[in-house]
Amino acid sequence: MASLAPTRRVTLLALAALGGCATLQQVMALRDVDFAVDRVVDVRLAGVRLDEVRRFEDLRATDAARLLAAVAERTLPLELDLHLTALNPADNTVDARLVRMDWTFLIEDRETLSGVLEGDVVLPPGEPRDVPVPIAMDLFEFFDGSARDLFEIARSLAGQGGEARRVALRASPVVQTALGPIRYPSPITIVERDIGR
């Protein structure tokens, strides 16, 4: 579960006090939301879908050639959908409304891509909600290796075995309140999980 240091909690309380009890409840409800990685799906490496590919040797000849060509050009686009589960605890008395989240995706504690998730995700107490985060990056910008090495990283992320990879999302959530949107004062790491074997 995401947790805040005492100084951040005081800052949120001070902001919330300006709008009364309802605002305080909305901000504190989002603070208590438990975010976790649920799954990584639809993994594509240089346009090659890896959801069903367990070994480099299982690639079709045309797909292997596409990966080798991409590596030769030193660009290897990786696309995936990272699905989070967000759970507002059942004992909260108000919905949490997540309206924006600035995020940075980390693999093995290495910062890769940053982006923004926008929209209005209502999180009723006690009801888990799916929060998909689409990610597209050039794997070559962050990792070195042969086509096979980089394929192994992507294969692990696809959950097709190989060495487990630790993934995390560092984020700055924004909650809608009676005062308008209020951003967490500093980023928090809200999800972390080993993906792969």
N, C-alpha and C. Protein backbone atom coordinates (compact mmCIF):
# COMPACT_ATOMS: atom_id res chain seq x y z
N MET A 1 0.84 -1.18 0.00
CA MET A 1 0.00 0.00 0.00
C MET A 1 0.88 1.23 0.00
N ALA A 2 0.52 2.26 -0.78
CA ALA A 2 1.28 3.49 -0.80
C ALA A 2 1.18 4.15 0.56
N SER A 3 2.31 4.67 1.06
CA SER A 3 2.29 5.35 2.34
C SER A 3 3.04 6.66 2.22
N LEU A 4 2.67 7.64 3.04
CA LEU A 4 3.27 8.96 2.98
C LEU A 4 4.08 9.23 4.23
N ALA A 5 5.20 9.95 4.05
CA ALA A 5 5.99 10.38 5.19
C ALA A 5 5.17 11.40 5.98
N PRO A 6 5.49 11.60 7.30
CA PRO A 6 4.72 12.55 8.12
C PRO A 6 4.65 13.95 7.54
N THR A 7 5.76 14.45 6.94
CA THR A 7 5.73 15.80 6.38
C THR A 7 4.77 15.91 5.21
N ARG A 8 4.69 14.87 4.37
CA ARG A 8 3.75 14.88 3.25
C ARG A 8 2.32 14.80 3.76
N ARG A 9 2.11 14.01 4.83
CA ARG A 9 0.76 13.88 5.38
C ARG A 9 0.29 15.22 5.93
N VAL A 10 1.20 15.95 6.62
CA VAL A 10 0.86 17.26 7.16
C VAL A 10 0.51 18.22 6.04
N THR A 11 1.30 18.20 4.95
CA THR A 11 1.03 19.08 3.81
C THR A 11 -0.34 18.80 3.22
N LEU A 12 -0.67 17.52 3.03
CA LEU A 12 -1.98 17.17 2.49
C LEU A 12 -3.08 17.61 3.44
N LEU A 13 -2.88 17.44 4.73
CA LEU A 13 -3.89 17.86 5.70
C LEU A 13 -4.09 19.37 5.67
N ALA A 14 -2.99 20.11 5.53
CA ALA A 14 -3.10 21.56 5.48
C ALA A 14 -3.87 22.01 4.24
N LEU A 15 -3.59 21.39 3.09
CA LEU A 15 -4.31 21.73 1.86
C LEU A 15 -5.78 21.37 2.00
N ALA A 16 -6.05 20.22 2.53
CA ALA A 16 -7.42 19.74 2.62
C ALA A 16 -8.24 20.58 3.58
N ALA A 17 -7.61 21.10 4.64
CA ALA A 17 -8.35 21.86 5.64
C ALA A 17 -8.97 23.11 5.03
N LEU A 18 -8.37 23.63 3.96
CA LEU A 18 -8.90 24.82 3.31
C LEU A 18 -10.28 24.57 2.72
N GLY A 19 -10.59 23.34 2.34
CA GLY A 19 -11.86 23.03 1.71
C GLY A 19 -12.82 22.29 2.61
N GLY A 20 -12.48 22.07 3.88
CA GLY A 20 -13.39 21.43 4.81
C GLY A 20 -13.23 19.94 4.86
N CYS A 21 -14.13 19.33 5.59
CA CYS A 21 -14.07 17.89 5.89
C CYS A 21 -14.18 17.04 4.64
N ALA A 22 -15.05 17.41 3.69
CA ALA A 22 -15.24 16.59 2.48
C ALA A 22 -13.94 16.51 1.69
N THR A 23 -13.24 17.64 1.57
CA THR A 23 -11.96 17.64 0.84
C THR A 23 -10.94 16.78 1.56
N LEU A 24 -10.88 16.89 2.87
CA LEU A 24 -9.96 16.07 3.66
C LEU A 24 -10.23 14.59 3.42
N GLN A 25 -11.51 14.20 3.42
CA GLN A 25 -11.84 12.80 3.21
C GLN A 25 -11.42 12.33 1.82
N GLN A 26 -11.61 13.18 0.80
CA GLN A 26 -11.23 12.80 -0.56
C GLN A 26 -9.73 12.60 -0.68
N VAL A 27 -8.96 13.52 -0.11
CA VAL A 27 -7.51 13.42 -0.19
C VAL A 27 -7.01 12.21 0.58
N MET A 28 -7.53 12.02 1.78
CA MET A 28 -7.08 10.89 2.58
C MET A 28 -7.52 9.56 1.97
N ALA A 29 -8.66 9.54 1.28
CA ALA A 29 -9.11 8.32 0.62
C ALA A 29 -8.11 7.92 -0.45
N LEU A 30 -7.63 8.87 -1.25
CA LEU A 30 -6.66 8.52 -2.28
C LEU A 30 -5.34 8.08 -1.65
N ARG A 31 -4.97 8.72 -0.53
CA ARG A 31 -3.74 8.33 0.14
C ARG A 31 -3.78 6.87 0.57
N ASP A 32 -4.97 6.40 0.94
CA ASP A 32 -5.11 5.04 1.43
C ASP A 32 -5.31 4.01 0.33
N VAL A 33 -5.46 4.44 -0.92
CA VAL A 33 -5.69 3.50 -2.02
C VAL A 33 -4.46 2.61 -2.19
N ASP A 34 -4.70 1.32 -2.32
CA ASP A 34 -3.63 0.35 -2.53
C ASP A 34 -3.50 0.10 -4.03
N PHE A 35 -2.35 0.45 -4.60
CA PHE A 35 -2.06 0.21 -6.00
C PHE A 35 -1.10 -0.97 -6.11
N ALA A 36 -1.36 -1.86 -7.05
CA ALA A 36 -0.48 -3.01 -7.26
C ALA A 36 -0.46 -3.36 -8.74
N VAL A 37 0.65 -3.94 -9.19
CA VAL A 37 0.71 -4.45 -10.55
C VAL A 37 -0.15 -5.70 -10.62
N ASP A 38 -1.10 -5.72 -11.52
CA ASP A 38 -1.93 -6.90 -11.73
C ASP A 38 -1.33 -7.78 -12.81
N ARG A 39 -1.03 -7.18 -13.96
CA ARG A 39 -0.49 -7.99 -15.06
C ARG A 39 0.13 -7.07 -16.12
N VAL A 40 0.98 -7.67 -16.93
CA VAL A 40 1.54 -7.03 -18.12
C VAL A 40 1.05 -7.84 -19.31
N VAL A 41 0.40 -7.18 -20.26
CA VAL A 41 -0.17 -7.89 -21.40
C VAL A 41 0.19 -7.20 -22.70
N ASP A 42 -0.06 -7.91 -23.80
CA ASP A 42 0.11 -7.38 -25.15
C ASP A 42 1.53 -6.82 -25.36
N VAL A 43 2.52 -7.62 -24.99
CA VAL A 43 3.92 -7.20 -25.14
C VAL A 43 4.35 -7.40 -26.59
N ARG A 44 4.88 -6.33 -27.18
CA ARG A 44 5.34 -6.36 -28.57
C ARG A 44 6.75 -5.80 -28.64
N LEU A 45 7.63 -6.52 -29.28
CA LEU A 45 9.02 -6.10 -29.45
C LEU A 45 9.28 -5.93 -30.93
N ALA A 46 9.56 -4.71 -31.36
CA ALA A 46 9.72 -4.39 -32.79
C ALA A 46 8.50 -4.89 -33.58
N GLY A 47 7.33 -4.79 -32.98
CA GLY A 47 6.10 -5.20 -33.63
C GLY A 47 5.80 -6.68 -33.53
N VAL A 48 6.68 -7.47 -32.90
CA VAL A 48 6.49 -8.91 -32.77
C VAL A 48 5.81 -9.19 -31.43
N ARG A 49 4.64 -9.82 -31.48
CA ARG A 49 3.91 -10.15 -30.25
C ARG A 49 4.61 -11.29 -29.52
N LEU A 50 4.80 -11.11 -28.20
CA LEU A 50 5.55 -12.11 -27.42
C LEU A 50 4.68 -12.85 -26.40
N ASP A 51 3.38 -12.61 -26.39
CA ASP A 51 2.52 -13.23 -25.39
C ASP A 51 2.56 -14.75 -25.42
N GLU A 52 2.84 -15.33 -26.58
CA GLU A 52 2.84 -16.80 -26.71
C GLU A 52 4.21 -17.37 -27.06
N VAL A 53 5.24 -16.53 -27.06
CA VAL A 53 6.58 -16.98 -27.47
C VAL A 53 7.42 -17.25 -26.23
N ARG A 54 7.84 -18.48 -26.04
CA ARG A 54 8.58 -18.85 -24.83
C ARG A 54 10.09 -18.89 -25.03
N ARG A 55 10.55 -19.07 -26.27
CA ARG A 55 12.00 -19.12 -26.53
C ARG A 55 12.30 -18.37 -27.82
N PHE A 56 13.54 -17.89 -27.92
CA PHE A 56 13.96 -17.20 -29.13
C PHE A 56 13.79 -18.11 -30.34
N GLU A 57 14.04 -19.39 -30.14
CA GLU A 57 13.94 -20.35 -31.24
C GLU A 57 12.51 -20.56 -31.71
N ASP A 58 11.54 -20.16 -30.89
CA ASP A 58 10.13 -20.31 -31.26
C ASP A 58 9.65 -19.22 -32.21
N LEU A 59 10.46 -18.18 -32.38
CA LEU A 59 10.06 -17.10 -33.28
C LEU A 59 9.99 -17.60 -34.72
N ARG A 60 9.02 -17.10 -35.46
CA ARG A 60 8.99 -17.39 -36.90
C ARG A 60 10.21 -16.73 -37.54
N ALA A 61 10.64 -17.25 -38.64
CA ALA A 61 11.84 -16.72 -39.31
C ALA A 61 11.69 -15.24 -39.63
N THR A 62 10.51 -14.84 -40.07
CA THR A 62 10.30 -13.42 -40.40
C THR A 62 10.37 -12.54 -39.16
N ASP A 63 9.85 -13.04 -38.03
CA ASP A 63 9.90 -12.25 -36.79
C ASP A 63 11.33 -12.15 -36.25
N ALA A 64 12.06 -13.26 -36.31
CA ALA A 64 13.47 -13.23 -35.87
C ALA A 64 14.26 -12.26 -36.74
N ALA A 65 14.00 -12.26 -38.03
CA ALA A 65 14.70 -11.35 -38.94
C ALA A 65 14.36 -9.90 -38.61
N ARG A 66 13.11 -9.64 -38.24
CA ARG A 66 12.70 -8.28 -37.87
C ARG A 66 13.44 -7.81 -36.63
N LEU A 67 13.57 -8.69 -35.63
CA LEU A 67 14.29 -8.32 -34.42
C LEU A 67 15.77 -8.08 -34.70
N LEU A 68 16.38 -8.96 -35.49
CA LEU A 68 17.80 -8.80 -35.82
C LEU A 68 18.05 -7.51 -36.58
N ALA A 69 17.14 -7.18 -37.49
CA ALA A 69 17.29 -5.94 -38.26
C ALA A 69 17.16 -4.72 -37.35
N ALA A 70 16.22 -4.78 -36.41
CA ALA A 70 16.04 -3.66 -35.48
C ALA A 70 17.28 -3.46 -34.61
N VAL A 71 17.84 -4.57 -34.12
CA VAL A 71 19.04 -4.49 -33.29
C VAL A 71 20.21 -3.93 -34.11
N ALA A 72 20.32 -4.34 -35.36
CA ALA A 72 21.39 -3.83 -36.23
C ALA A 72 21.27 -2.32 -36.41
N GLU A 73 20.04 -1.81 -36.38
CA GLU A 73 19.82 -0.36 -36.50
C GLU A 73 19.84 0.34 -35.14
N ARG A 74 20.08 -0.45 -34.08
CA ARG A 74 20.16 0.05 -32.71
C ARG A 74 18.89 0.80 -32.29
N THR A 75 17.77 0.22 -32.64
CA THR A 75 16.48 0.70 -32.16
C THR A 75 15.57 -0.50 -32.00
N LEU A 76 14.96 -0.63 -30.83
CA LEU A 76 14.14 -1.81 -30.57
C LEU A 76 12.91 -1.40 -29.78
N PRO A 77 11.86 -0.98 -30.49
CA PRO A 77 10.65 -0.51 -29.79
C PRO A 77 9.97 -1.63 -29.01
N LEU A 78 9.66 -1.32 -27.76
CA LEU A 78 8.94 -2.23 -26.87
C LEU A 78 7.63 -1.56 -26.49
N GLU A 79 6.53 -2.27 -26.69
CA GLU A 79 5.21 -1.77 -26.30
C GLU A 79 4.55 -2.81 -25.40
N LEU A 80 3.85 -2.33 -24.39
CA LEU A 80 3.14 -3.23 -23.49
C LEU A 80 2.05 -2.45 -22.77
N ASP A 81 1.12 -3.18 -22.20
CA ASP A 81 0.08 -2.57 -21.36
C ASP A 81 0.29 -3.07 -19.94
N LEU A 82 0.59 -2.13 -19.05
CA LEU A 82 0.77 -2.44 -17.63
C LEU A 82 -0.57 -2.17 -16.94
N HIS A 83 -1.17 -3.21 -16.39
CA HIS A 83 -2.46 -3.06 -15.71
C HIS A 83 -2.24 -3.02 -14.21
N LEU A 84 -2.74 -1.96 -13.60
CA LEU A 84 -2.70 -1.81 -12.16
C LEU A 84 -4.06 -2.18 -11.58
N THR A 85 -4.07 -2.65 -10.36
CA THR A 85 -5.30 -2.77 -9.60
C THR A 85 -5.26 -1.71 -8.52
N ALA A 86 -6.31 -0.88 -8.47
CA ALA A 86 -6.41 0.15 -7.45
C ALA A 86 -7.58 -0.21 -6.53
N LEU A 87 -7.31 -0.27 -5.24
CA LEU A 87 -8.34 -0.65 -4.27
C LEU A 87 -8.45 0.42 -3.19
N ASN A 88 -9.59 1.10 -3.17
CA ASN A 88 -9.93 2.03 -2.11
C ASN A 88 -10.47 1.18 -0.95
N PRO A 89 -9.83 1.21 0.22
CA PRO A 89 -10.26 0.31 1.30
C PRO A 89 -11.75 0.42 1.63
N ALA A 90 -12.34 -0.69 1.98
CA ALA A 90 -13.78 -0.74 2.25
C ALA A 90 -14.19 0.15 3.41
N ASP A 91 -13.26 0.43 4.35
CA ASP A 91 -13.65 1.25 5.49
C ASP A 91 -13.55 2.75 5.22
N ASN A 92 -13.13 3.14 4.00
CA ASN A 92 -13.20 4.56 3.64
C ASN A 92 -14.67 4.92 3.42
N THR A 93 -15.02 6.16 3.74
CA THR A 93 -16.43 6.56 3.62
C THR A 93 -16.74 7.30 2.34
N VAL A 94 -15.72 7.61 1.52
CA VAL A 94 -15.95 8.36 0.28
C VAL A 94 -15.23 7.67 -0.87
N ASP A 95 -15.71 7.95 -2.07
CA ASP A 95 -15.00 7.52 -3.27
C ASP A 95 -13.68 8.29 -3.37
N ALA A 96 -12.66 7.64 -3.89
CA ALA A 96 -11.43 8.34 -4.28
C ALA A 96 -11.53 8.59 -5.78
N ARG A 97 -11.19 9.79 -6.22
CA ARG A 97 -11.26 10.13 -7.64
C ARG A 97 -9.88 10.50 -8.14
N LEU A 98 -9.28 9.59 -8.87
CA LEU A 98 -7.97 9.81 -9.47
C LEU A 98 -8.18 10.45 -10.83
N VAL A 99 -7.70 11.69 -11.00
CA VAL A 99 -7.95 12.41 -12.26
C VAL A 99 -6.69 12.53 -13.12
N ARG A 100 -5.52 12.26 -12.54
CA ARG A 100 -4.28 12.37 -13.30
C ARG A 100 -3.18 11.66 -12.52
N MET A 101 -2.23 11.12 -13.24
CA MET A 101 -1.09 10.49 -12.58
C MET A 101 0.13 10.63 -13.48
N ASP A 102 1.09 11.43 -13.05
CA ASP A 102 2.38 11.48 -13.73
C ASP A 102 3.18 10.27 -13.26
N TRP A 103 3.80 9.54 -14.20
CA TRP A 103 4.45 8.30 -13.79
C TRP A 103 5.79 8.11 -14.50
N THR A 104 6.63 7.30 -13.87
CA THR A 104 7.89 6.84 -14.46
C THR A 104 7.95 5.34 -14.28
N PHE A 105 8.21 4.63 -15.36
CA PHE A 105 8.28 3.17 -15.36
C PHE A 105 9.72 2.75 -15.12
N LEU A 106 9.92 1.84 -14.15
CA LEU A 106 11.25 1.35 -13.81
C LEU A 106 11.34 -0.15 -14.05
N ILE A 107 12.44 -0.58 -14.64
CA ILE A 107 12.76 -2.00 -14.78
C ILE A 107 14.08 -2.23 -14.08
N GLU A 108 14.10 -3.14 -13.12
CA GLU A 108 15.32 -3.41 -12.34
C GLU A 108 15.88 -2.12 -11.75
N ASP A 109 15.00 -1.29 -11.18
CA ASP A 109 15.36 -0.02 -10.54
C ASP A 109 15.94 1.00 -11.51
N ARG A 110 15.86 0.75 -12.80
CA ARG A 110 16.35 1.70 -13.80
C ARG A 110 15.18 2.46 -14.39
N GLU A 111 15.25 3.80 -14.29
CA GLU A 111 14.19 4.62 -14.86
C GLU A 111 14.21 4.48 -16.38
N THR A 112 13.03 4.27 -16.96
CA THR A 112 12.94 4.17 -18.40
C THR A 112 12.06 5.31 -18.93
N LEU A 113 10.80 5.04 -19.08
CA LEU A 113 9.89 5.97 -19.71
C LEU A 113 9.07 6.73 -18.67
N SER A 114 8.76 7.99 -18.99
CA SER A 114 7.85 8.78 -18.16
C SER A 114 6.64 9.16 -18.99
N GLY A 115 5.51 9.30 -18.34
CA GLY A 115 4.30 9.68 -19.06
C GLY A 115 3.25 10.20 -18.11
N VAL A 116 2.07 10.44 -18.66
CA VAL A 116 0.96 10.98 -17.89
C VAL A 116 -0.29 10.16 -18.19
N LEU A 117 -0.96 9.70 -17.14
CA LEU A 117 -2.24 9.02 -17.28
C LEU A 117 -3.31 10.03 -16.91
N GLU A 118 -4.20 10.33 -17.85
CA GLU A 118 -5.26 11.30 -17.59
C GLU A 118 -6.61 10.63 -17.74
N GLY A 119 -7.59 11.17 -17.06
CA GLY A 119 -8.93 10.61 -17.08
C GLY A 119 -9.51 10.72 -15.68
N ASP A 120 -10.71 10.23 -15.52
CA ASP A 120 -11.39 10.30 -14.23
C ASP A 120 -11.69 8.87 -13.79
N VAL A 121 -10.87 8.35 -12.88
CA VAL A 121 -11.05 6.99 -12.39
C VAL A 121 -11.66 7.07 -11.00
N VAL A 122 -12.93 6.68 -10.89
CA VAL A 122 -13.61 6.70 -9.60
C VAL A 122 -13.35 5.37 -8.89
N LEU A 123 -12.92 5.46 -7.65
CA LEU A 123 -12.56 4.27 -6.88
C LEU A 123 -13.48 4.15 -5.67
N PRO A 124 -14.61 3.45 -5.82
CA PRO A 124 -15.53 3.29 -4.69
C PRO A 124 -14.89 2.43 -3.60
N PRO A 125 -15.25 2.67 -2.35
CA PRO A 125 -14.69 1.86 -1.26
C PRO A 125 -14.96 0.37 -1.46
N GLY A 126 -13.90 -0.42 -1.31
CA GLY A 126 -14.03 -1.88 -1.34
C GLY A 126 -14.18 -2.51 -2.70
N GLU A 127 -14.09 -1.73 -3.78
CA GLU A 127 -14.27 -2.27 -5.13
C GLU A 127 -12.99 -2.07 -5.95
N PRO A 128 -12.23 -3.13 -6.23
CA PRO A 128 -11.01 -2.96 -7.02
C PRO A 128 -11.32 -2.47 -8.43
N ARG A 129 -10.46 -1.61 -8.95
CA ARG A 129 -10.62 -1.07 -10.29
C ARG A 129 -9.35 -1.31 -11.10
N ASP A 130 -9.53 -1.63 -12.37
CA ASP A 130 -8.42 -1.82 -13.29
C ASP A 130 -7.98 -0.46 -13.83
N VAL A 131 -6.68 -0.20 -13.78
CA VAL A 131 -6.12 1.06 -14.29
C VAL A 131 -5.02 0.69 -15.29
N PRO A 132 -5.34 0.68 -16.60
CA PRO A 132 -4.33 0.33 -17.60
C PRO A 132 -3.40 1.50 -17.90
N VAL A 133 -2.11 1.20 -18.00
CA VAL A 133 -1.10 2.21 -18.35
C VAL A 133 -0.37 1.73 -19.59
N PRO A 134 -0.64 2.33 -20.77
CA PRO A 134 0.08 1.92 -21.98
C PRO A 134 1.50 2.46 -21.96
N ILE A 135 2.46 1.60 -22.32
CA ILE A 135 3.87 1.98 -22.29
C ILE A 135 4.50 1.65 -23.63
N ALA A 136 5.24 2.60 -24.18
CA ALA A 136 5.96 2.40 -25.44
C ALA A 136 7.33 3.06 -25.29
N MET A 137 8.39 2.28 -25.48
CA MET A 137 9.75 2.78 -25.28
C MET A 137 10.71 2.07 -26.22
N ASP A 138 11.90 2.63 -26.36
CA ASP A 138 12.95 1.99 -27.14
C ASP A 138 13.86 1.26 -26.16
N LEU A 139 13.81 -0.06 -26.17
CA LEU A 139 14.57 -0.87 -25.22
C LEU A 139 16.07 -0.59 -25.32
N PHE A 140 16.53 -0.23 -26.52
CA PHE A 140 17.95 0.02 -26.74
C PHE A 140 18.46 1.24 -25.97
N GLU A 141 17.55 2.16 -25.62
CA GLU A 141 17.97 3.35 -24.90
C GLU A 141 18.37 3.04 -23.46
N PHE A 142 17.93 1.89 -22.96
CA PHE A 142 18.11 1.61 -21.54
C PHE A 142 18.89 0.33 -21.25
N PHE A 143 18.97 -0.58 -22.23
CA PHE A 143 19.65 -1.86 -22.02
C PHE A 143 20.54 -2.18 -23.22
N ASP A 144 21.68 -2.80 -22.92
CA ASP A 144 22.61 -3.24 -23.97
C ASP A 144 22.45 -4.74 -24.17
N GLY A 145 22.94 -5.21 -25.29
CA GLY A 145 22.95 -6.65 -25.51
C GLY A 145 22.59 -7.02 -26.93
N SER A 146 22.64 -8.32 -27.16
CA SER A 146 22.31 -8.86 -28.48
C SER A 146 20.79 -8.90 -28.64
N ALA A 147 20.36 -9.28 -29.83
CA ALA A 147 18.93 -9.44 -30.07
C ALA A 147 18.35 -10.46 -29.09
N ARG A 148 19.09 -11.54 -28.83
CA ARG A 148 18.62 -12.56 -27.90
C ARG A 148 18.52 -12.01 -26.48
N ASP A 149 19.52 -11.23 -26.03
CA ASP A 149 19.50 -10.67 -24.68
C ASP A 149 18.29 -9.76 -24.48
N LEU A 150 18.04 -8.89 -25.45
CA LEU A 150 16.93 -7.96 -25.34
C LEU A 150 15.60 -8.68 -25.47
N PHE A 151 15.57 -9.72 -26.29
CA PHE A 151 14.38 -10.55 -26.39
C PHE A 151 14.08 -11.18 -25.03
N GLU A 152 15.09 -11.62 -24.30
CA GLU A 152 14.89 -12.25 -23.00
C GLU A 152 14.28 -11.27 -21.99
N ILE A 153 14.70 -10.00 -22.04
CA ILE A 153 14.10 -9.00 -21.16
C ILE A 153 12.62 -8.85 -21.48
N ALA A 154 12.31 -8.70 -22.77
CA ALA A 154 10.91 -8.54 -23.18
C ALA A 154 10.10 -9.78 -22.86
N ARG A 155 10.69 -10.96 -23.04
CA ARG A 155 9.99 -12.22 -22.76
C ARG A 155 9.65 -12.32 -21.27
N SER A 156 10.56 -11.90 -20.41
CA SER A 156 10.28 -11.90 -18.98
C SER A 156 9.11 -10.98 -18.65
N LEU A 157 9.10 -9.79 -19.27
CA LEU A 157 8.02 -8.85 -19.03
C LEU A 157 6.68 -9.41 -19.49
N ALA A 158 6.73 -10.23 -20.55
CA ALA A 158 5.50 -10.84 -21.07
C ALA A 158 5.03 -12.01 -20.21
N GLY A 159 5.83 -12.37 -19.19
CA GLY A 159 5.46 -13.47 -18.32
C GLY A 159 5.66 -14.83 -18.96
N GLN A 160 6.59 -14.92 -19.91
CA GLN A 160 6.83 -16.17 -20.63
C GLN A 160 8.07 -16.88 -20.12
N GLY A 161 8.42 -16.63 -18.86
CA GLY A 161 9.58 -17.30 -18.28
C GLY A 161 10.82 -16.44 -18.34
N GLY A 162 11.96 -17.08 -18.14
CA GLY A 162 13.21 -16.35 -18.11
C GLY A 162 13.45 -15.74 -16.74
N GLU A 163 14.49 -14.94 -16.64
CA GLU A 163 14.86 -14.31 -15.38
C GLU A 163 13.78 -13.32 -14.96
N ALA A 164 13.39 -13.35 -13.67
CA ALA A 164 12.38 -12.41 -13.18
C ALA A 164 12.93 -10.99 -13.23
N ARG A 165 12.06 -10.06 -13.60
CA ARG A 165 12.43 -8.64 -13.67
C ARG A 165 11.57 -7.86 -12.69
N ARG A 166 12.23 -7.00 -11.91
CA ARG A 166 11.48 -6.17 -10.98
C ARG A 166 11.00 -4.93 -11.72
N VAL A 167 9.69 -4.71 -11.71
CA VAL A 167 9.13 -3.53 -12.33
C VAL A 167 8.46 -2.68 -11.26
N ALA A 168 8.48 -1.37 -11.45
CA ALA A 168 7.87 -0.44 -10.51
C ALA A 168 7.35 0.76 -11.27
N LEU A 169 6.41 1.44 -10.65
CA LEU A 169 5.87 2.67 -11.21
C LEU A 169 5.98 3.75 -10.15
N ARG A 170 6.78 4.77 -10.43
CA ARG A 170 6.87 5.91 -9.53
C ARG A 170 5.89 6.95 -10.03
N ALA A 171 5.02 7.42 -9.15
CA ALA A 171 3.92 8.24 -9.64
C ALA A 171 3.60 9.40 -8.71
N SER A 172 2.99 10.43 -9.31
CA SER A 172 2.45 11.56 -8.56
C SER A 172 0.95 11.63 -8.85
N PRO A 173 0.13 11.00 -8.01
CA PRO A 173 -1.32 11.03 -8.24
C PRO A 173 -1.91 12.41 -7.99
N VAL A 174 -3.00 12.69 -8.69
CA VAL A 174 -3.77 13.92 -8.49
C VAL A 174 -5.20 13.51 -8.17
N VAL A 175 -5.73 14.04 -7.07
CA VAL A 175 -7.10 13.72 -6.66
C VAL A 175 -7.98 14.94 -6.85
N GLN A 176 -9.20 14.71 -7.32
CA GLN A 176 -10.17 15.79 -7.47
C GLN A 176 -10.82 16.05 -6.12
N THR A 177 -10.86 17.32 -5.71
CA THR A 177 -11.47 17.69 -4.43
C THR A 177 -12.40 18.88 -4.65
N ALA A 178 -13.04 19.30 -3.58
CA ALA A 178 -13.92 20.47 -3.65
C ALA A 178 -13.13 21.73 -3.98
N LEU A 179 -11.82 21.73 -3.71
CA LEU A 179 -10.96 22.86 -4.05
C LEU A 179 -10.44 22.79 -5.48
N GLY A 180 -10.69 21.67 -6.16
CA GLY A 180 -10.09 21.43 -7.46
C GLY A 180 -9.05 20.34 -7.31
N PRO A 181 -8.27 20.08 -8.37
CA PRO A 181 -7.27 19.01 -8.30
C PRO A 181 -6.16 19.32 -7.30
N ILE A 182 -5.79 18.32 -6.50
CA ILE A 182 -4.67 18.45 -5.57
C ILE A 182 -3.69 17.32 -5.86
N ARG A 183 -2.42 17.71 -6.10
CA ARG A 183 -1.36 16.75 -6.42
C ARG A 183 -0.61 16.35 -5.17
N TYR A 184 -0.21 15.07 -5.11
CA TYR A 184 0.69 14.67 -4.04
C TYR A 184 1.92 15.58 -4.10
N PRO A 185 2.46 16.01 -2.95
CA PRO A 185 3.57 16.95 -2.95
C PRO A 185 4.86 16.40 -3.53
N SER A 186 5.04 15.07 -3.52
CA SER A 186 6.23 14.48 -4.14
C SER A 186 5.88 13.07 -4.59
N PRO A 187 6.62 12.54 -5.59
CA PRO A 187 6.28 11.22 -6.13
C PRO A 187 6.40 10.12 -5.09
N ILE A 188 5.59 9.08 -5.27
CA ILE A 188 5.67 7.89 -4.43
C ILE A 188 5.76 6.68 -5.33
N THR A 189 6.48 5.67 -4.90
CA THR A 189 6.51 4.41 -5.63
C THR A 189 5.30 3.62 -5.18
N ILE A 190 4.33 3.45 -6.10
CA ILE A 190 3.08 2.86 -5.69
C ILE A 190 2.94 1.41 -6.09
N VAL A 191 3.76 0.93 -7.03
CA VAL A 191 3.65 -0.47 -7.39
C VAL A 191 5.03 -1.05 -7.59
N GLU A 192 5.15 -2.31 -7.26
CA GLU A 192 6.43 -2.99 -7.47
C GLU A 192 6.16 -4.49 -7.49
N ARG A 193 6.75 -5.18 -8.46
CA ARG A 193 6.52 -6.62 -8.55
C ARG A 193 7.59 -7.26 -9.42
N ASP A 194 7.91 -8.49 -9.11
CA ASP A 194 8.80 -9.26 -9.98
C ASP A 194 7.95 -9.93 -11.06
N ILE A 195 8.33 -9.71 -12.32
CA ILE A 195 7.62 -10.29 -13.46
C ILE A 195 8.53 -11.34 -14.08
N GLY A 196 7.99 -12.46 -14.47
CA GLY A 196 8.78 -13.52 -15.10
C GLY A 196 8.72 -14.78 -14.26
N ARG A 197 9.76 -15.57 -14.36
CA ARG A 197 9.78 -16.86 -13.64
C ARG A 197 9.65 -16.67 -12.14
